[in-house]
């Protein structure tokens, strides 16, 4: 049995690296190479993503499943969806994955 570790984000840190995000449907298949995060604090999503970027190695990607209502509307109309254009989204969903990649 292959058990994937989940990294809990309890406290935030200021980001020390630049990062990019992409939004994916909750049907995303999690790769073995992805670092999976879980947010267990009340900080903003942006602060949590900065902390996650600090925990990634260069060119490594991670993901976090969040409630759809936590996504800022600006992200929906930004290029955050450009990588997931080929994905099928449910008409109504409560969850979405944010995939985060640390820039070189």
PDB file of N, CA and C in Angstrom:
ATOM      1  N   UNK A   1       0.843  -1.171   0.000  1.00  0.00           N
ATOM      2  CA  UNK A   1       0.000   0.000   0.000  1.00  0.00           C
ATOM      3  C   UNK A   1       0.895   1.243   0.000  1.00  0.00           C
ATOM      4  N   UNK A   2       0.583   2.197  -0.880  1.00  0.00           N
ATOM      5  CA  UNK A   2       1.364   3.414  -1.004  1.00  0.00           C
ATOM      6  C   UNK A   2       0.637   4.545  -0.284  1.00  0.00           C
ATOM      7  N   UNK A   3       1.168   4.988   0.839  1.00  0.00           N
ATOM      8  CA  UNK A   3       0.549   6.056   1.609  1.00  0.00           C
ATOM      9  C   UNK A   3       1.292   7.357   1.314  1.00  0.00           C
ATOM     10  N   UNK A   4       0.541   8.379   0.918  1.00  0.00           N
ATOM     11  CA  UNK A   4       1.119   9.677   0.568  1.00  0.00           C
ATOM     12  C   UNK A   4       1.085  10.600   1.783  1.00  0.00           C
ATOM     13  N   UNK A   5       2.231  11.168   2.165  1.00  0.00           N
ATOM     14  CA  UNK A   5       2.221  12.103   3.293  1.00  0.00           C
ATOM     15  C   UNK A   5       1.489  13.390   2.934  1.00  0.00           C
ATOM     16  N   UNK A   6       0.840  13.979   3.904  1.00  0.00           N
ATOM     17  CA  UNK A   6       0.168  15.264   3.743  1.00  0.00           C
ATOM     18  C   UNK A   6       0.843  16.242   4.691  1.00  0.00           C
ATOM     19  N   UNK A   7       1.235  17.385   4.158  1.00  0.00           N
ATOM     20  CA  UNK A   7       1.934  18.397   4.940  1.00  0.00           C
ATOM     21  C   UNK A   7       0.925  19.433   5.418  1.00  0.00           C
ATOM     22  N   UNK A   8       0.770  19.541   6.731  1.00  0.00           N
ATOM     23  CA  UNK A   8      -0.182  20.490   7.300  1.00  0.00           C
ATOM     24  C   UNK A   8       0.452  21.873   7.401  1.00  0.00           C
ATOM     25  N   UNK A   9      -0.310  22.885   6.992  1.00  0.00           N
ATOM     26  CA  UNK A   9       0.125  24.269   7.125  1.00  0.00           C
ATOM     27  C   UNK A   9      -0.574  24.836   8.357  1.00  0.00           C
ATOM     28  N   UNK A  10       0.166  24.894   9.463  1.00  0.00           N
ATOM     29  CA  UNK A  10      -0.403  25.394  10.719  1.00  0.00           C
ATOM     30  C   UNK A  10      -0.068  26.856  10.946  1.00  0.00           C
ATOM     31  N   UNK A  11       1.143  27.255  10.574  1.00  0.00           N
ATOM     32  CA  UNK A  11       1.587  28.633  10.728  1.00  0.00           C
ATOM     33  C   UNK A  11       2.122  29.125   9.400  1.00  0.00           C
ATOM     34  N   UNK A  12       1.937  30.404   9.138  1.00  0.00           N
ATOM     35  CA  UNK A  12       2.406  30.940   7.867  1.00  0.00           C
ATOM     36  C   UNK A  12       3.781  31.569   8.015  1.00  0.00           C
ATOM     37  N   UNK A  13       4.459  31.674   6.873  1.00  0.00           N
ATOM     38  CA  UNK A  13       5.761  32.332   6.774  1.00  0.00           C
ATOM     39  C   UNK A  13       5.717  33.225   5.544  1.00  0.00           C
ATOM     40  N   UNK A  14       6.470  34.318   5.549  1.00  0.00           N
ATOM     41  CA  UNK A  14       6.518  35.125   4.329  1.00  0.00           C
ATOM     42  C   UNK A  14       7.192  34.327   3.215  1.00  0.00           C
ATOM     43  N   UNK A  15       6.698  34.431   1.995  1.00  0.00           N
ATOM     44  CA  UNK A  15       7.309  33.663   0.905  1.00  0.00           C
ATOM     45  C   UNK A  15       8.734  34.128   0.625  1.00  0.00           C
ATOM     46  N   UNK A  16       9.612  33.179   0.397  1.00  0.00           N
ATOM     47  CA  UNK A  16      11.001  33.495   0.067  1.00  0.00           C
ATOM     48  C   UNK A  16      11.304  33.194  -1.394  1.00  0.00           C
ATOM     49  N   UNK A  17      10.308  32.693  -2.122  1.00  0.00           N
ATOM     50  CA  UNK A  17      10.477  32.343  -3.528  1.00  0.00           C
ATOM     51  C   UNK A  17       9.244  32.787  -4.307  1.00  0.00           C
ATOM     52  N   UNK A  18       9.447  33.034  -5.590  1.00  0.00           N
ATOM     53  CA  UNK A  18       8.307  33.308  -6.446  1.00  0.00           C
ATOM     54  C   UNK A  18       7.666  31.978  -6.810  1.00  0.00           C
ATOM     55  N   UNK A  19       6.355  32.013  -7.064  1.00  0.00           N
ATOM     56  CA  UNK A  19       5.642  30.788  -7.407  1.00  0.00           C
ATOM     57  C   UNK A  19       4.512  31.101  -8.368  1.00  0.00           C
ATOM     58  N   UNK A  20       4.025  30.062  -9.019  1.00  0.00           N
ATOM     59  CA  UNK A  20       2.875  30.169  -9.910  1.00  0.00           C
ATOM     60  C   UNK A  20       1.804  29.219  -9.407  1.00  0.00           C
ATOM     61  N   UNK A  21       0.559  29.540  -9.718  1.00  0.00           N
ATOM     62  CA  UNK A  21      -0.533  28.647  -9.345  1.00  0.00           C
ATOM     63  C   UNK A  21      -1.363  28.311 -10.570  1.00  0.00           C
ATOM     64  N   UNK A  22      -2.058  27.205 -10.473  1.00  0.00           N
ATOM     65  CA  UNK A  22      -3.037  26.795 -11.478  1.00  0.00           C
ATOM     66  C   UNK A  22      -4.208  26.170 -10.733  1.00  0.00           C
ATOM     67  N   UNK A  23      -5.396  26.349 -11.263  1.00  0.00           N
ATOM     68  CA  UNK A  23      -6.605  25.788 -10.659  1.00  0.00           C
ATOM     69  C   UNK A  23      -7.029  24.551 -11.436  1.00  0.00           C
ATOM     70  N   UNK A  24      -7.379  23.500 -10.711  1.00  0.00           N
ATOM     71  CA  UNK A  24      -7.804  22.240 -11.313  1.00  0.00           C
ATOM     72  C   UNK A  24      -9.064  21.736 -10.620  1.00  0.00           C
ATOM     73  N   UNK A  25      -9.856  20.947 -11.328  1.00  0.00           N
ATOM     74  CA  UNK A  25     -11.058  20.384 -10.698  1.00  0.00           C
ATOM     75  C   UNK A  25     -10.686  19.399  -9.602  1.00  0.00           C
ATOM     76  N   UNK A  26     -11.640  19.122  -8.719  1.00  0.00           N
ATOM     77  CA  UNK A  26     -11.352  18.216  -7.604  1.00  0.00           C
ATOM     78  C   UNK A  26     -11.212  16.769  -8.035  1.00  0.00           C
ATOM     79  N   UNK A  27     -11.358  16.488  -9.316  1.00  0.00           N
ATOM     80  CA  UNK A  27     -11.127  15.142  -9.841  1.00  0.00           C
ATOM     81  C   UNK A  27      -9.666  14.932 -10.245  1.00  0.00           C
ATOM     82  N   UNK A  28      -8.806  15.903  -9.942  1.00  0.00           N
ATOM     83  CA  UNK A  28      -7.383  15.824 -10.274  1.00  0.00           C
ATOM     84  C   UNK A  28      -6.759  14.557  -9.701  1.00  0.00           C
ATOM     85  N   UNK A  29      -5.994  13.867 -10.520  1.00  0.00           N
ATOM     86  CA  UNK A  29      -5.246  12.706 -10.044  1.00  0.00           C
ATOM     87  C   UNK A  29      -3.921  13.206  -9.467  1.00  0.00           C
ATOM     88  N   UNK A  30      -3.681  12.878  -8.214  1.00  0.00           N
ATOM     89  CA  UNK A  30      -2.482  13.345  -7.523  1.00  0.00           C
ATOM     90  C   UNK A  30      -1.293  12.473  -7.906  1.00  0.00           C
ATOM     91  N   UNK A  31      -0.286  13.101  -8.474  1.00  0.00           N
ATOM     92  CA  UNK A  31       0.938  12.400  -8.861  1.00  0.00           C
ATOM     93  C   UNK A  31       1.747  12.044  -7.617  1.00  0.00           C
ATOM     94  N   UNK A  32       2.528  10.971  -7.704  1.00  0.00           N
ATOM     95  CA  UNK A  32       3.405  10.588  -6.599  1.00  0.00           C
ATOM     96  C   UNK A  32       4.486  11.634  -6.349  1.00  0.00           C
ATOM     97  N   UNK A  33       4.766  12.462  -7.365  1.00  0.00           N
ATOM     98  CA  UNK A  33       5.818  13.475  -7.236  1.00  0.00           C
ATOM     99  C   UNK A  33       5.303  14.780  -6.638  1.00  0.00           C
ATOM    100  N   UNK A  34       3.987  14.901  -6.491  1.00  0.00           N
ATOM    101  CA  UNK A  34       3.403  16.119  -5.918  1.00  0.00           C
ATOM    102  C   UNK A  34       3.477  16.087  -4.404  1.00  0.00           C
ATOM    103  N   UNK A  35       3.704  17.244  -3.828  1.00  0.00           N
ATOM    104  CA  UNK A  35       3.632  17.403  -2.377  1.00  0.00           C
ATOM    105  C   UNK A  35       2.203  17.849  -2.076  1.00  0.00           C
ATOM    106  N   UNK A  36       1.514  17.127  -1.211  1.00  0.00           N
ATOM    107  CA  UNK A  36       0.115  17.422  -0.893  1.00  0.00           C
ATOM    108  C   UNK A  36       0.052  18.186   0.422  1.00  0.00           C
ATOM    109  N   UNK A  37      -0.647  19.309   0.404  1.00  0.00           N
ATOM    110  CA  UNK A  37      -0.770  20.159   1.588  1.00  0.00           C
ATOM    111  C   UNK A  37      -2.201  20.166   2.092  1.00  0.00           C
ATOM    112  N   UNK A  38      -2.342  20.487   3.371  1.00  0.00           N
ATOM    113  CA  UNK A  38      -3.651  20.705   3.978  1.00  0.00           C
ATOM    114  C   UNK A  38      -3.531  21.953   4.849  1.00  0.00           C
ATOM    115  N   UNK A  39      -4.459  22.886   4.664  1.00  0.00           N
ATOM    116  CA  UNK A  39      -4.445  24.120   5.440  1.00  0.00           C
ATOM    117  C   UNK A  39      -5.236  23.893   6.735  1.00  0.00           C
ATOM    118  N   UNK A  40      -4.580  24.122   7.877  1.00  0.00           N
ATOM    119  CA  UNK A  40      -5.243  23.955   9.175  1.00  0.00           C
ATOM    120  C   UNK A  40      -5.070  25.223  10.013  1.00  0.00           C
ATOM    121  N   UNK A  41      -5.306  26.361   9.374  1.00  0.00           N
ATOM    122  CA  UNK A  41      -5.253  27.647  10.071  1.00  0.00           C
ATOM    123  C   UNK A  41      -6.302  28.569   9.460  1.00  0.00           C
ATOM    124  N   UNK A  42      -6.423  29.760  10.004  1.00  0.00           N
ATOM    125  CA  UNK A  42      -7.430  30.711   9.524  1.00  0.00           C
ATOM    126  C   UNK A  42      -6.830  31.866   8.740  1.00  0.00           C
ATOM    127  N   UNK A  43      -5.626  31.708   8.240  1.00  0.00           N
ATOM    128  CA  UNK A  43      -4.961  32.763   7.478  1.00  0.00           C
ATOM    129  C   UNK A  43      -5.516  32.819   6.053  1.00  0.00           C
ATOM    130  N   UNK A  44      -5.159  33.873   5.329  1.00  0.00           N
ATOM    131  CA  UNK A  44      -5.643  34.010   3.955  1.00  0.00           C
ATOM    132  C   UNK A  44      -5.008  32.949   3.061  1.00  0.00           C
ATOM    133  N   UNK A  45      -5.688  32.656   1.993  1.00  0.00           N
ATOM    134  CA  UNK A  45      -5.192  31.673   1.037  1.00  0.00           C
ATOM    135  C   UNK A  45      -3.841  32.109   0.469  1.00  0.00           C
ATOM    136  N   UNK A  46      -3.692  33.388   0.165  1.00  0.00           N
ATOM    137  CA  UNK A  46      -2.436  33.892  -0.383  1.00  0.00           C
ATOM    138  C   UNK A  46      -1.275  33.670   0.586  1.00  0.00           C
ATOM    139  N   UNK A  47      -1.501  33.909   1.884  1.00  0.00           N
ATOM    140  CA  UNK A  47      -0.438  33.685   2.870  1.00  0.00           C
ATOM    141  C   UNK A  47      -0.079  32.209   2.951  1.00  0.00           C
ATOM    142  N   UNK A  48      -1.069  31.346   2.891  1.00  0.00           N
ATOM    143  CA  UNK A  48      -0.807  29.908   2.933  1.00  0.00           C
ATOM    144  C   UNK A  48      -0.046  29.436   1.700  1.00  0.00           C
ATOM    145  N   UNK A  49      -0.360  29.984   0.538  1.00  0.00           N
ATOM    146  CA  UNK A  49       0.353  29.598  -0.678  1.00  0.00           C
ATOM    147  C   UNK A  49       1.817  30.023  -0.608  1.00  0.00           C
ATOM    148  N   UNK A  50       2.086  31.186  -0.017  1.00  0.00           N
ATOM    149  CA  UNK A  50       3.472  31.615   0.168  1.00  0.00           C
ATOM    150  C   UNK A  50       4.245  30.651   1.051  1.00  0.00           C
ATOM    151  N   UNK A  51       3.596  30.186   2.101  1.00  0.00           N
ATOM    152  CA  UNK A  51       4.224  29.206   2.992  1.00  0.00           C
ATOM    153  C   UNK A  51       4.481  27.894   2.260  1.00  0.00           C
ATOM    154  N   UNK A  52       3.512  27.466   1.464  1.00  0.00           N
ATOM    155  CA  UNK A  52       3.693  26.228   0.689  1.00  0.00           C
ATOM    156  C   UNK A  52       4.865  26.348  -0.270  1.00  0.00           C
ATOM    157  N   UNK A  53       4.997  27.515  -0.915  1.00  0.00           N
ATOM    158  CA  UNK A  53       6.101  27.693  -1.865  1.00  0.00           C
ATOM    159  C   UNK A  53       7.450  27.551  -1.173  1.00  0.00           C
ATOM    160  N   UNK A  54       7.523  27.969   0.085  1.00  0.00           N
ATOM    161  CA  UNK A  54       8.771  27.818   0.851  1.00  0.00           C
ATOM    162  C   UNK A  54       9.106  26.351   1.103  1.00  0.00           C
ATOM    163  N   UNK A  55       8.107  25.505   1.120  1.00  0.00           N
ATOM    164  CA  UNK A  55       8.307  24.083   1.427  1.00  0.00           C
ATOM    165  C   UNK A  55       8.579  23.235   0.188  1.00  0.00           C
ATOM    166  N   UNK A  56       8.572  23.872  -0.984  1.00  0.00           N
ATOM    167  CA  UNK A  56       8.833  23.153  -2.233  1.00  0.00           C
ATOM    168  C   UNK A  56      10.273  23.346  -2.664  1.00  0.00           C
ATOM    169  N   UNK A  57      10.819  22.337  -3.329  1.00  0.00           N
ATOM    170  CA  UNK A  57      12.133  22.466  -3.945  1.00  0.00           C
ATOM    171  C   UNK A  57      11.951  23.128  -5.311  1.00  0.00           C
ATOM    172  N   UNK A  58      13.028  23.601  -5.893  1.00  0.00           N
ATOM    173  CA  UNK A  58      12.965  24.210  -7.216  1.00  0.00           C
ATOM    174  C   UNK A  58      12.376  23.217  -8.209  1.00  0.00           C
ATOM    175  N   UNK A  59      11.447  23.672  -9.010  1.00  0.00           N
ATOM    176  CA  UNK A  59      10.743  22.871 -10.023  1.00  0.00           C
ATOM    177  C   UNK A  59       9.871  21.763  -9.446  1.00  0.00           C
ATOM    178  N   UNK A  60       9.625  21.777  -8.164  1.00  0.00           N
ATOM    179  CA  UNK A  60       8.710  20.815  -7.552  1.00  0.00           C
ATOM    180  C   UNK A  60       7.321  21.446  -7.506  1.00  0.00           C
ATOM    181  N   UNK A  61       6.296  20.614  -7.568  1.00  0.00           N
ATOM    182  CA  UNK A  61       4.937  21.138  -7.476  1.00  0.00           C
ATOM    183  C   UNK A  61       4.219  20.513  -6.290  1.00  0.00           C
ATOM    184  N   UNK A  62       3.247  21.258  -5.804  1.00  0.00           N
ATOM    185  CA  UNK A  62       2.424  20.793  -4.701  1.00  0.00           C
ATOM    186  C   UNK A  62       0.975  21.121  -4.994  1.00  0.00           C
ATOM    187  N   UNK A  63       0.084  20.618  -4.180  1.00  0.00           N
ATOM    188  CA  UNK A  63      -1.329  20.919  -4.377  1.00  0.00           C
ATOM    189  C   UNK A  63      -2.039  20.970  -3.039  1.00  0.00           C
ATOM    190  N   UNK A  64      -3.146  21.692  -3.044  1.00  0.00           N
ATOM    191  CA  UNK A  64      -3.996  21.796  -1.870  1.00  0.00           C
ATOM    192  C   UNK A  64      -5.436  21.854  -2.351  1.00  0.00           C
ATOM    193  N   UNK A  65      -6.305  21.122  -1.671  1.00  0.00           N
ATOM    194  CA  UNK A  65      -7.733  21.119  -2.003  1.00  0.00           C
ATOM    195  C   UNK A  65      -8.424  22.115  -1.090  1.00  0.00           C
ATOM    196  N   UNK A  66      -9.123  23.078  -1.696  1.00  0.00           N
ATOM    197  CA  UNK A  66      -9.760  24.142  -0.909  1.00  0.00           C
ATOM    198  C   UNK A  66     -11.214  24.297  -1.336  1.00  0.00           C
ATOM    199  N   UNK A  67     -12.041  24.871  -0.472  1.00  0.00           N
ATOM    200  CA  UNK A  67     -13.425  25.156  -0.868  1.00  0.00           C
ATOM    201  C   UNK A  67     -13.440  26.186  -1.998  1.00  0.00           C
ATOM    202  N   UNK A  68     -14.311  25.984  -2.939  1.00  0.00           N
ATOM    203  CA  UNK A  68     -14.379  26.860  -4.117  1.00  0.00           C
ATOM    204  C   UNK A  68     -14.612  28.312  -3.734  1.00  0.00           C
ATOM    205  N   UNK A  69     -15.345  28.551  -2.650  1.00  0.00           N
ATOM    206  CA  UNK A  69     -15.632  29.935  -2.265  1.00  0.00           C
ATOM    207  C   UNK A  69     -14.410  30.668  -1.721  1.00  0.00           C
ATOM    208  N   UNK A  70     -13.316  29.958  -1.447  1.00  0.00           N
ATOM    209  CA  UNK A  70     -12.107  30.628  -0.969  1.00  0.00           C
ATOM    210  C   UNK A  70     -11.245  31.173  -2.113  1.00  0.00           C
ATOM    211  N   UNK A  71     -11.598  30.825  -3.348  1.00  0.00           N
ATOM    212  CA  UNK A  71     -10.838  31.285  -4.508  1.00  0.00           C
ATOM    213  C   UNK A  71     -11.273  32.711  -4.851  1.00  0.00           C
ATOM    214  N   UNK A  72     -10.331  33.661  -4.897  1.00  0.00           N
ATOM    215  CA  UNK A  72     -10.699  35.016  -5.303  1.00  0.00           C
ATOM    216  C   UNK A  72     -11.218  35.028  -6.745  1.00  0.00           C
ATOM    217  N   UNK A  73     -12.248  35.788  -6.997  1.00  0.00           N
ATOM    218  CA  UNK A  73     -12.857  35.832  -8.324  1.00  0.00           C
ATOM    219  C   UNK A  73     -11.839  36.262  -9.386  1.00  0.00           C
ATOM    220  N   UNK A  74     -10.858  37.075  -8.997  1.00  0.00           N
ATOM    221  CA  UNK A  74      -9.834  37.504  -9.958  1.00  0.00           C
ATOM    222  C   UNK A  74      -9.043  36.312 -10.505  1.00  0.00           C
ATOM    223  N   UNK A  75      -8.868  35.280  -9.683  1.00  0.00           N
ATOM    224  CA  UNK A  75      -8.123  34.106 -10.132  1.00  0.00           C
ATOM    225  C   UNK A  75      -8.881  33.366 -11.223  1.00  0.00           C
ATOM    226  N   UNK A  76     -10.200  33.362 -11.120  1.00  0.00           N
ATOM    227  CA  UNK A  76     -11.011  32.665 -12.123  1.00  0.00           C
ATOM    228  C   UNK A  76     -10.825  33.310 -13.484  1.00  0.00           C
ATOM    229  N   UNK A  77     -10.688  34.635 -13.501  1.00  0.00           N
ATOM    230  CA  UNK A  77     -10.549  35.356 -14.763  1.00  0.00           C
ATOM    231  C   UNK A  77      -9.105  35.663 -15.110  1.00  0.00           C
ATOM    232  N   UNK A  78      -8.165  35.088 -14.384  1.00  0.00           N
ATOM    233  CA  UNK A  78      -6.748  35.272 -14.687  1.00  0.00           C
ATOM    234  C   UNK A  78      -6.276  34.077 -15.508  1.00  0.00           C
ATOM    235  N   UNK A  79      -4.967  33.953 -15.625  1.00  0.00           N
ATOM    236  CA  UNK A  79      -4.427  32.806 -16.370  1.00  0.00           C
ATOM    237  C   UNK A  79      -4.234  31.579 -15.481  1.00  0.00           C
ATOM    238  N   UNK A  80      -4.792  31.583 -14.263  1.00  0.00           N
ATOM    239  CA  UNK A  80      -4.655  30.440 -13.355  1.00  0.00           C
ATOM    240  C   UNK A  80      -5.363  29.196 -13.890  1.00  0.00           C
ATOM    241  N   UNK A  81      -6.283  29.381 -14.831  1.00  0.00           N
ATOM    242  CA  UNK A  81      -6.991  28.240 -15.420  1.00  0.00           C
ATOM    243  C   UNK A  81      -6.359  27.761 -16.725  1.00  0.00           C
ATOM    244  N   UNK A  82      -5.294  28.414 -17.186  1.00  0.00           N
ATOM    245  CA  UNK A  82      -4.759  28.108 -18.508  1.00  0.00           C
ATOM    246  C   UNK A  82      -4.270  26.664 -18.654  1.00  0.00           C
ATOM    247  N   UNK A  83      -3.773  26.064 -17.577  1.00  0.00           N
ATOM    248  CA  UNK A  83      -3.257  24.703 -17.669  1.00  0.00           C
ATOM    249  C   UNK A  83      -4.355  23.653 -17.578  1.00  0.00           C
ATOM    250  N   UNK A  84      -5.519  24.046 -17.102  1.00  0.00           N
ATOM    251  CA  UNK A  84      -6.576  23.070 -16.877  1.00  0.00           C
ATOM    252  C   UNK A  84      -7.711  23.188 -17.881  1.00  0.00           C
ATOM    253  N   UNK A  85      -7.469  23.855 -18.997  1.00  0.00           N
ATOM    254  CA  UNK A  85      -8.523  24.056 -19.998  1.00  0.00           C
ATOM    255  C   UNK A  85      -9.045  22.732 -20.541  1.00  0.00           C
ATOM    256  N   UNK A  86      -8.215  21.700 -20.525  1.00  0.00           N
ATOM    257  CA  UNK A  86      -8.627  20.403 -21.051  1.00  0.00           C
ATOM    258  C   UNK A  86      -9.370  19.555 -20.019  1.00  0.00           C
ATOM    259  N   UNK A  87      -9.491  20.032 -18.798  1.00  0.00           N
ATOM    260  CA  UNK A  87     -10.147  19.276 -17.733  1.00  0.00           C
ATOM    261  C   UNK A  87     -11.661  19.457 -17.783  1.00  0.00           C
ATOM    262  N   UNK A  88     -12.354  18.477 -17.277  1.00  0.00           N
ATOM    263  CA  UNK A  88     -13.806  18.570 -17.165  1.00  0.00           C
ATOM    264  C   UNK A  88     -14.170  19.007 -15.756  1.00  0.00           C
ATOM    265  N   UNK A  89     -14.916  20.081 -15.665  1.00  0.00           N
ATOM    266  CA  UNK A  89     -15.373  20.594 -14.380  1.00  0.00           C
ATOM    267  C   UNK A  89     -16.837  20.219 -14.197  1.00  0.00           C
ATOM    268  N   UNK A  90     -17.176  19.842 -12.985  1.00  0.00           N
ATOM    269  CA  UNK A  90     -18.580  19.617 -12.665  1.00  0.00           C
ATOM    270  C   UNK A  90     -19.298  20.963 -12.692  1.00  0.00           C
ATOM    271  N   UNK A  91     -20.557  20.950 -13.054  1.00  0.00           N
ATOM    272  CA  UNK A  91     -21.314  22.207 -13.079  1.00  0.00           C
ATOM    273  C   UNK A  91     -21.380  22.829 -11.690  1.00  0.00           C
ATOM    274  N   UNK A  92     -21.569  22.015 -10.705  1.00  0.00           N
ATOM    275  CA  UNK A  92     -21.580  22.496  -9.330  1.00  0.00           C
ATOM    276  C   UNK A  92     -20.581  21.677  -8.533  1.00  0.00           C
ATOM    277  N   UNK A  93     -19.676  22.356  -7.921  1.00  0.00           N
ATOM    278  CA  UNK A  93     -18.670  21.681  -7.115  1.00  0.00           C
ATOM    279  C   UNK A  93     -18.379  22.531  -5.886  1.00  0.00           C
ATOM    280  N   UNK A  94     -17.983  21.903  -4.841  1.00  0.00           N
ATOM    281  CA  UNK A  94     -17.657  22.630  -3.613  1.00  0.00           C
ATOM    282  C   UNK A  94     -16.159  22.761  -3.386  1.00  0.00           C
ATOM    283  N   UNK A  95     -15.363  22.002  -4.149  1.00  0.00           N
ATOM    284  CA  UNK A  95     -13.920  21.950  -3.919  1.00  0.00           C
ATOM    285  C   UNK A  95     -13.173  22.158  -5.223  1.00  0.00           C
ATOM    286  N   UNK A  96     -11.959  22.673  -5.087  1.00  0.00           N
ATOM    287  CA  UNK A  96     -11.074  22.857  -6.229  1.00  0.00           C
ATOM    288  C   UNK A  96      -9.636  22.654  -5.746  1.00  0.00           C
ATOM    289  N   UNK A  97      -8.782  22.170  -6.628  1.00  0.00           N
ATOM    290  CA  UNK A  97      -7.364  22.031  -6.301  1.00  0.00           C
ATOM    291  C   UNK A  97      -6.602  23.251  -6.783  1.00  0.00           C
ATOM    292  N   UNK A  98      -5.708  23.725  -5.949  1.00  0.00           N
ATOM    293  CA  UNK A  98      -4.734  24.719  -6.370  1.00  0.00           C
ATOM    294  C   UNK A  98      -3.411  23.983  -6.479  1.00  0.00           C
ATOM    295  N   UNK A  99      -2.829  24.014  -7.666  1.00  0.00           N
ATOM    296  CA  UNK A  99      -1.514  23.422  -7.880  1.00  0.00           C
ATOM    297  C   UNK A  99      -0.531  24.579  -7.857  1.00  0.00           C
ATOM    298  N   UNK A 100       0.514  24.420  -7.064  1.00  0.00           N
ATOM    299  CA  UNK A 100       1.509  25.489  -6.897  1.00  0.00           C
ATOM    300  C   UNK A 100       2.877  24.982  -7.311  1.00  0.00           C
ATOM    301  N   UNK A 101       3.581  25.813  -8.057  1.00  0.00           N
ATOM    302  CA  UNK A 101       4.936  25.471  -8.493  1.00  0.00           C
ATOM    303  C   UNK A 101       5.894  26.575  -8.130  1.00  0.00           C
ATOM    304  N   UNK A 102       7.007  26.199  -7.597  1.00  0.00           N
ATOM    305  CA  UNK A 102       8.044  27.180  -7.232  1.00  0.00           C
ATOM    306  C   UNK A 102       8.865  27.523  -8.464  1.00  0.00           C
ATOM    307  N   UNK A 103       9.024  28.802  -8.724  1.00  0.00           N
ATOM    308  CA  UNK A 103       9.804  29.252  -9.876  1.00  0.00           C
ATOM    309  C   UNK A 103      11.285  29.089  -9.615  1.00  0.00           C
ATOM    310  N   UNK A 104      12.031  28.963 -10.690  1.00  0.00           N
ATOM    311  CA  UNK A 104      13.498  28.833 -10.595  1.00  0.00           C
ATOM    312  C   UNK A 104      14.096  30.145 -10.171  1.00  0.00           C
TER     313      UNK A 104
END
